[in-house]
Amino acid sequence: MSSNASANRGLLIAVASATALALGMLAAIWLQKPATVALQSGTLLQQPRPLGEFQAVDQDGAPAGRAQFEGHWTLIFPGFTSCPDVCPTTLALLKNVMAGLGDDAGKLRVTFLSVDPERDTPARLKQYVQYFDPAFTALAPTPEQLKAIAQQLGVAYAKVPGATPDSYTMDHSAALILIDPQARIAGYLTPPFDVARLSADLRTLIDRR
């Protein structure tokens, strides 16, 4: 065999090896890349955003923080107990969603975040959320704690004065914040909500991860 032929053969082998290595690396990257999930009810973040530590108390007056979101999926719904329409309607819908999830309901929690620290005491929140579902929980932050939590979650809220000092209402975001089992902000579910579509989206996420 001539030296040229040997050189050509060596070159072909080197090219083939390099190609196989590149294809292997691409395959590995593809396999490690999480599949994209298209939601009917909202948007998943391309990269979940870690939830930082925060402080508040829950519906029982016990300290609450980031750790309570670990190990399960959570839907955080911002609202206030004096809300005349959106809040009770959404909580009633979430009760039906949980019922529709069947056995998967144990992998998801619903947490009501009060944006009305002046009126929403832990006891009032407990009575309110557990009217809809005994498994629902709540967060009762102070005004300063609420500001920090809302900034992390991307929740907007504002006090709207009423005819008297006590008759004010609260404008607030209506989106549900989706927290994954690693306590990361995974996405946002936006109204108008539909029980069937929301249940299907949540079941897909729970089963996938």
C-alpha atoms as a PDB file:
ATOM      1  CA  MET A   1       0.000   0.000   0.000  1.00  0.00           C
ATOM      2  CA  SER A   2       1.384   3.419  -0.946  1.00  0.00           C
ATOM      3  CA  SER A   3       2.110   6.060   1.594  1.00  0.00           C
ATOM      4  CA  ASN A   4      -0.586   8.280  -0.005  1.00  0.00           C
ATOM      5  CA  ALA A   5      -3.205   5.561   0.335  1.00  0.00           C
ATOM      6  CA  SER A   6      -2.274   5.005   3.955  1.00  0.00           C
ATOM      7  CA  ALA A   7      -2.458   8.722   4.624  1.00  0.00           C
ATOM      8  CA  ASN A   8      -5.880   8.974   2.961  1.00  0.00           C
ATOM      9  CA  ARG A   9      -7.150   6.001   4.921  1.00  0.00           C
ATOM     10  CA  GLY A  10      -5.883   7.526   8.160  1.00  0.00           C
ATOM     11  CA  LEU A  11      -7.553  10.803   7.308  1.00  0.00           C
ATOM     12  CA  LEU A  12     -10.868   9.051   6.589  1.00  0.00           C
ATOM     13  CA  ILE A  13     -10.695   7.208   9.897  1.00  0.00           C
ATOM     14  CA  ALA A  14      -9.925  10.431  11.761  1.00  0.00           C
ATOM     15  CA  VAL A  15     -12.812  12.254  10.052  1.00  0.00           C
ATOM     16  CA  ALA A  16     -15.200   9.371  10.786  1.00  0.00           C
ATOM     17  CA  SER A  17     -14.128   9.277  14.420  1.00  0.00           C
ATOM     18  CA  ALA A  18     -14.541  13.025  14.808  1.00  0.00           C
ATOM     19  CA  THR A  19     -17.980  12.875  13.176  1.00  0.00           C
ATOM     20  CA  ALA A  20     -19.089  10.023  15.444  1.00  0.00           C
ATOM     21  CA  LEU A  21     -17.851  11.930  18.491  1.00  0.00           C
ATOM     22  CA  ALA A  22     -19.699  15.096  17.447  1.00  0.00           C
ATOM     23  CA  LEU A  23     -22.905  13.163  16.805  1.00  0.00           C
ATOM     24  CA  GLY A  24     -22.566  11.473  20.178  1.00  0.00           C
ATOM     25  CA  MET A  25     -22.154  14.811  21.924  1.00  0.00           C
ATOM     26  CA  LEU A  26     -25.167  16.276  20.113  1.00  0.00           C
ATOM     27  CA  ALA A  27     -27.246  13.242  21.060  1.00  0.00           C
ATOM     28  CA  ALA A  28     -26.203  13.593  24.699  1.00  0.00           C
ATOM     29  CA  ILE A  29     -27.119  17.269  24.719  1.00  0.00           C
ATOM     30  CA  TRP A  30     -30.478  16.520  23.110  1.00  0.00           C
ATOM     31  CA  LEU A  31     -31.249  13.783  25.622  1.00  0.00           C
ATOM     32  CA  GLN A  32     -30.388  16.041  28.556  1.00  0.00           C
ATOM     33  CA  LYS A  33     -32.470  18.924  27.264  1.00  0.00           C
ATOM     34  CA  PRO A  34     -35.924  18.912  28.878  1.00  0.00           C
ATOM     35  CA  ALA A  35     -38.796  18.524  26.478  1.00  0.00           C
ATOM     36  CA  THR A  36     -40.810  21.658  25.908  1.00  0.00           C
ATOM     37  CA  VAL A  37     -44.286  21.537  27.404  1.00  0.00           C
ATOM     38  CA  ALA A  38     -46.923  23.751  25.835  1.00  0.00           C
ATOM     39  CA  LEU A  39     -49.536  24.865  28.347  1.00  0.00           C
ATOM     40  CA  GLN A  40     -53.106  25.727  27.463  1.00  0.00           C
ATOM     41  CA  SER A  41     -53.507  27.917  30.535  1.00  0.00           C
ATOM     42  CA  GLY A  42     -50.287  29.917  30.703  1.00  0.00           C
ATOM     43  CA  THR A  43     -46.555  29.969  30.159  1.00  0.00           C
ATOM     44  CA  LEU A  44     -43.648  27.964  31.533  1.00  0.00           C
ATOM     45  CA  LEU A  45     -40.353  29.761  32.065  1.00  0.00           C
ATOM     46  CA  GLN A  46     -37.551  28.423  29.858  1.00  0.00           C
ATOM     47  CA  GLN A  47     -35.413  28.292  32.985  1.00  0.00           C
ATOM     48  CA  PRO A  48     -37.185  28.039  36.369  1.00  0.00           C
ATOM     49  CA  ARG A  49     -36.230  30.915  38.656  1.00  0.00           C
ATOM     50  CA  PRO A  50     -35.113  29.952  42.182  1.00  0.00           C
ATOM     51  CA  LEU A  51     -37.342  31.331  44.915  1.00  0.00           C
ATOM     52  CA  GLY A  52     -35.321  33.155  47.528  1.00  0.00           C
ATOM     53  CA  GLU A  53     -35.895  32.881  51.257  1.00  0.00           C
ATOM     54  CA  PHE A  54     -38.776  34.906  52.672  1.00  0.00           C
ATOM     55  CA  GLN A  55     -40.626  35.290  55.947  1.00  0.00           C
ATOM     56  CA  ALA A  56     -44.328  35.263  56.769  1.00  0.00           C
ATOM     57  CA  VAL A  57     -46.776  33.267  58.863  1.00  0.00           C
ATOM     58  CA  ASP A  58     -49.318  30.752  57.627  1.00  0.00           C
ATOM     59  CA  GLN A  59     -53.039  30.399  58.350  1.00  0.00           C
ATOM     60  CA  ASP A  60     -52.208  28.858  61.734  1.00  0.00           C
ATOM     61  CA  GLY A  61     -49.866  31.676  62.713  1.00  0.00           C
ATOM     62  CA  ALA A  62     -46.823  29.416  62.302  1.00  0.00           C
ATOM     63  CA  PRO A  63     -43.631  30.714  60.637  1.00  0.00           C
ATOM     64  CA  ALA A  64     -43.589  30.092  56.886  1.00  0.00           C
ATOM     65  CA  GLY A  65     -40.796  30.355  54.331  1.00  0.00           C
ATOM     66  CA  ARG A  66     -39.288  28.920  51.187  1.00  0.00           C
ATOM     67  CA  ALA A  67     -38.946  25.403  52.625  1.00  0.00           C
ATOM     68  CA  GLN A  68     -42.703  24.883  52.651  1.00  0.00           C
ATOM     69  CA  PHE A  69     -42.702  24.797  48.834  1.00  0.00           C
ATOM     70  CA  GLU A  70     -40.148  21.993  48.535  1.00  0.00           C
ATOM     71  CA  GLY A  71     -41.117  18.466  47.549  1.00  0.00           C
ATOM     72  CA  HIS A  72     -44.382  19.204  45.752  1.00  0.00           C
ATOM     73  CA  TRP A  73     -45.935  21.495  43.168  1.00  0.00           C
ATOM     74  CA  THR A  74     -47.641  24.651  44.437  1.00  0.00           C
ATOM     75  CA  LEU A  75     -50.057  27.144  42.960  1.00  0.00           C
ATOM     76  CA  ILE A  76     -49.809  30.539  44.658  1.00  0.00           C
ATOM     77  CA  PHE A  77     -52.862  32.737  44.245  1.00  0.00           C
ATOM     78  CA  PRO A  78     -52.595  36.373  45.409  1.00  0.00           C
ATOM     79  CA  GLY A  79     -55.777  37.891  46.770  1.00  0.00           C
ATOM     80  CA  PHE A  80     -57.620  39.142  49.856  1.00  0.00           C
ATOM     81  CA  THR A  81     -60.534  37.888  51.900  1.00  0.00           C
ATOM     82  CA  SER A  82     -62.682  40.994  51.291  1.00  0.00           C
ATOM     83  CA  CYS A  83     -62.505  40.467  47.523  1.00  0.00           C
ATOM     84  CA  PRO A  84     -66.052  40.487  46.129  1.00  0.00           C
ATOM     85  CA  ASP A  85     -65.616  38.405  42.985  1.00  0.00           C
ATOM     86  CA  VAL A  86     -62.294  37.277  41.468  1.00  0.00           C
ATOM     87  CA  CYS A  87     -60.841  35.660  44.601  1.00  0.00           C
ATOM     88  CA  PRO A  88     -63.810  33.496  45.633  1.00  0.00           C
ATOM     89  CA  THR A  89     -64.450  32.556  42.012  1.00  0.00           C
ATOM     90  CA  THR A  90     -60.851  31.473  41.490  1.00  0.00           C
ATOM     91  CA  LEU A  91     -60.661  29.529  44.767  1.00  0.00           C
ATOM     92  CA  ALA A  92     -63.888  27.697  43.904  1.00  0.00           C
ATOM     93  CA  LEU A  93     -62.415  26.847  40.511  1.00  0.00           C
ATOM     94  CA  LEU A  94     -59.209  25.564  42.118  1.00  0.00           C
ATOM     95  CA  LYS A  95     -61.281  23.336  44.399  1.00  0.00           C
ATOM     96  CA  ASN A  96     -62.756  21.746  41.270  1.00  0.00           C
ATOM     97  CA  VAL A  97     -59.297  21.457  39.691  1.00  0.00           C
ATOM     98  CA  MET A  98     -57.987  19.589  42.728  1.00  0.00           C
ATOM     99  CA  ALA A  99     -60.976  17.252  42.628  1.00  0.00           C
ATOM    100  CA  GLY A 100     -60.346  16.631  38.929  1.00  0.00           C
ATOM    101  CA  LEU A 101     -56.714  15.671  39.512  1.00  0.00           C
ATOM    102  CA  GLY A 102     -57.698  12.567  41.455  1.00  0.00           C
ATOM    103  CA  ASP A 103     -54.669  10.757  42.869  1.00  0.00           C
ATOM    104  CA  ASP A 104     -52.342  13.490  41.545  1.00  0.00           C
ATOM    105  CA  ALA A 105     -53.962  16.072  43.837  1.00  0.00           C
ATOM    106  CA  GLY A 106     -51.655  14.976  46.642  1.00  0.00           C
ATOM    107  CA  LYS A 107     -48.683  16.246  44.634  1.00  0.00           C
ATOM    108  CA  LEU A 108     -50.073  19.793  44.392  1.00  0.00           C
ATOM    109  CA  ARG A 109     -50.862  22.438  47.002  1.00  0.00           C
ATOM    110  CA  VAL A 110     -52.796  25.673  46.719  1.00  0.00           C
ATOM    111  CA  THR A 111     -51.517  28.635  48.751  1.00  0.00           C
ATOM    112  CA  PHE A 112     -53.447  31.891  49.027  1.00  0.00           C
ATOM    113  CA  LEU A 113     -51.122  34.895  49.400  1.00  0.00           C
ATOM    114  CA  SER A 114     -52.883  37.785  51.122  1.00  0.00           C
ATOM    115  CA  VAL A 115     -52.176  41.207  49.620  1.00  0.00           C
ATOM    116  CA  ASP A 116     -54.181  42.877  52.418  1.00  0.00           C
ATOM    117  CA  PRO A 117     -52.015  42.678  55.568  1.00  0.00           C
ATOM    118  CA  GLU A 118     -54.123  45.266  57.385  1.00  0.00           C
ATOM    119  CA  ARG A 119     -57.270  43.122  57.509  1.00  0.00           C
ATOM    120  CA  ASP A 120     -56.245  39.542  56.741  1.00  0.00           C
ATOM    121  CA  THR A 121     -55.200  37.943  60.000  1.00  0.00           C
ATOM    122  CA  PRO A 122     -54.106  34.283  60.019  1.00  0.00           C
ATOM    123  CA  ALA A 123     -57.393  33.265  61.660  1.00  0.00           C
ATOM    124  CA  ARG A 124     -59.431  35.113  59.052  1.00  0.00           C
ATOM    125  CA  LEU A 125     -57.392  33.594  56.237  1.00  0.00           C
ATOM    126  CA  LYS A 126     -57.770  30.082  57.640  1.00  0.00           C
ATOM    127  CA  GLN A 127     -61.539  30.376  57.827  1.00  0.00           C
ATOM    128  CA  TYR A 128     -61.633  31.850  54.321  1.00  0.00           C
ATOM    129  CA  VAL A 129     -59.464  29.386  52.381  1.00  0.00           C
ATOM    130  CA  GLN A 130     -60.669  26.282  54.213  1.00  0.00           C
ATOM    131  CA  TYR A 131     -64.244  27.150  53.353  1.00  0.00           C
ATOM    132  CA  PHE A 132     -63.264  26.243  49.784  1.00  0.00           C
ATOM    133  CA  ASP A 133     -60.982  23.310  50.598  1.00  0.00           C
ATOM    134  CA  PRO A 134     -59.604  22.162  53.987  1.00  0.00           C
ATOM    135  CA  ALA A 135     -56.276  21.412  52.275  1.00  0.00           C
ATOM    136  CA  PHE A 136     -55.775  24.992  51.057  1.00  0.00           C
ATOM    137  CA  THR A 137     -53.152  27.011  52.915  1.00  0.00           C
ATOM    138  CA  ALA A 138     -52.483  30.744  53.192  1.00  0.00           C
ATOM    139  CA  LEU A 139     -49.683  33.232  53.804  1.00  0.00           C
ATOM    140  CA  ALA A 140     -50.239  36.265  56.031  1.00  0.00           C
ATOM    141  CA  PRO A 141     -47.230  38.548  55.554  1.00  0.00           C
ATOM    142  CA  THR A 142     -46.649  41.934  57.140  1.00  0.00           C
ATOM    143  CA  PRO A 143     -46.623  44.882  54.717  1.00  0.00           C
ATOM    144  CA  GLU A 144     -42.819  44.721  54.528  1.00  0.00           C
ATOM    145  CA  GLN A 145     -42.809  40.958  54.038  1.00  0.00           C
ATOM    146  CA  LEU A 146     -45.495  41.222  51.369  1.00  0.00           C
ATOM    147  CA  LYS A 147     -43.429  43.752  49.428  1.00  0.00           C
ATOM    148  CA  ALA A 148     -40.445  41.380  49.372  1.00  0.00           C
ATOM    149  CA  ILE A 149     -42.510  38.306  48.456  1.00  0.00           C
ATOM    150  CA  ALA A 150     -44.463  40.106  45.730  1.00  0.00           C
ATOM    151  CA  GLN A 151     -41.258  41.388  44.170  1.00  0.00           C
ATOM    152  CA  GLN A 152     -39.901  37.844  43.941  1.00  0.00           C
ATOM    153  CA  LEU A 153     -43.100  36.403  42.513  1.00  0.00           C
ATOM    154  CA  GLY A 154     -43.870  39.228  40.108  1.00  0.00           C
ATOM    155  CA  VAL A 155     -47.137  40.083  41.857  1.00  0.00           C
ATOM    156  CA  ALA A 156     -48.549  43.595  41.495  1.00  0.00           C
ATOM    157  CA  TYR A 157     -50.970  45.020  44.074  1.00  0.00           C
ATOM    158  CA  ALA A 158     -52.327  48.407  45.075  1.00  0.00           C
ATOM    159  CA  LYS A 159     -54.711  49.760  47.681  1.00  0.00           C
ATOM    160  CA  VAL A 160     -57.810  51.477  46.286  1.00  0.00           C
ATOM    161  CA  PRO A 161     -59.440  53.887  48.802  1.00  0.00           C
ATOM    162  CA  GLY A 162     -63.143  53.500  49.540  1.00  0.00           C
ATOM    163  CA  ALA A 163     -65.801  55.800  50.963  1.00  0.00           C
ATOM    164  CA  THR A 164     -64.465  55.136  54.470  1.00  0.00           C
ATOM    165  CA  PRO A 165     -60.977  54.158  55.721  1.00  0.00           C
ATOM    166  CA  ASP A 166     -62.113  50.555  56.245  1.00  0.00           C
ATOM    167  CA  SER A 167     -63.973  50.134  52.959  1.00  0.00           C
ATOM    168  CA  TYR A 168     -60.934  50.126  50.704  1.00  0.00           C
ATOM    169  CA  THR A 169     -60.324  47.376  48.186  1.00  0.00           C
ATOM    170  CA  MET A 170     -57.193  45.903  46.616  1.00  0.00           C
ATOM    171  CA  ASP A 171     -56.205  45.707  42.980  1.00  0.00           C
ATOM    172  CA  HIS A 172     -53.868  42.775  42.375  1.00  0.00           C
ATOM    173  CA  SER A 173     -52.499  40.349  39.812  1.00  0.00           C
ATOM    174  CA  ALA A 174     -54.886  37.521  38.981  1.00  0.00           C
ATOM    175  CA  ALA A 175     -52.315  35.066  37.604  1.00  0.00           C
ATOM    176  CA  LEU A 176     -51.464  31.865  39.451  1.00  0.00           C
ATOM    177  CA  ILE A 177     -47.753  31.431  40.170  1.00  0.00           C
ATOM    178  CA  LEU A 178     -46.549  27.872  39.580  1.00  0.00           C
ATOM    179  CA  ILE A 179     -43.820  26.683  41.969  1.00  0.00           C
ATOM    180  CA  ASP A 180     -42.033  23.402  41.203  1.00  0.00           C
ATOM    181  CA  PRO A 181     -40.874  20.818  43.790  1.00  0.00           C
ATOM    182  CA  GLN A 182     -37.434  22.461  43.921  1.00  0.00           C
ATOM    183  CA  ALA A 183     -39.071  25.676  45.184  1.00  0.00           C
ATOM    184  CA  ARG A 184     -38.477  27.461  41.878  1.00  0.00           C
ATOM    185  CA  ILE A 185     -40.854  29.732  39.985  1.00  0.00           C
ATOM    186  CA  ALA A 186     -41.715  27.486  37.030  1.00  0.00           C
ATOM    187  CA  GLY A 187     -44.349  29.553  35.249  1.00  0.00           C
ATOM    188  CA  TYR A 188     -47.526  31.609  35.336  1.00  0.00           C
ATOM    189  CA  LEU A 189     -51.088  30.503  34.654  1.00  0.00           C
ATOM    190  CA  THR A 190     -53.297  33.311  33.454  1.00  0.00           C
ATOM    191  CA  PRO A 191     -57.076  33.900  33.309  1.00  0.00           C
ATOM    192  CA  PRO A 192     -59.616  33.254  32.021  1.00  0.00           C
ATOM    193  CA  PHE A 193     -59.309  29.838  33.656  1.00  0.00           C
ATOM    194  CA  ASP A 194     -61.030  26.654  32.596  1.00  0.00           C
ATOM    195  CA  VAL A 195     -61.160  23.666  34.934  1.00  0.00           C
ATOM    196  CA  ALA A 196     -60.569  21.052  32.237  1.00  0.00           C
ATOM    197  CA  ARG A 197     -57.637  22.851  30.594  1.00  0.00           C
ATOM    198  CA  LEU A 198     -56.027  23.794  33.885  1.00  0.00           C
ATOM    199  CA  SER A 199     -56.374  20.239  35.198  1.00  0.00           C
ATOM    200  CA  ALA A 200     -54.850  18.824  32.005  1.00  0.00           C
ATOM    201  CA  ASP A 201     -51.882  21.214  32.196  1.00  0.00           C
ATOM    202  CA  LEU A 202     -51.184  20.412  35.841  1.00  0.00           C
ATOM    203  CA  ARG A 203     -51.497  16.659  35.307  1.00  0.00           C
ATOM    204  CA  THR A 204     -49.028  16.865  32.417  1.00  0.00           C
ATOM    205  CA  LEU A 205     -46.492  18.736  34.547  1.00  0.00           C
ATOM    206  CA  ILE A 206     -46.920  16.492  37.585  1.00  0.00           C
ATOM    207  CA  ASP A 207     -46.621  13.288  35.561  1.00  0.00           C
ATOM    208  CA  ARG A 208     -43.666  14.586  33.532  1.00  0.00           C
ATOM    209  CA  ARG A 209     -41.505  15.643  36.470  1.00  0.00           C
END
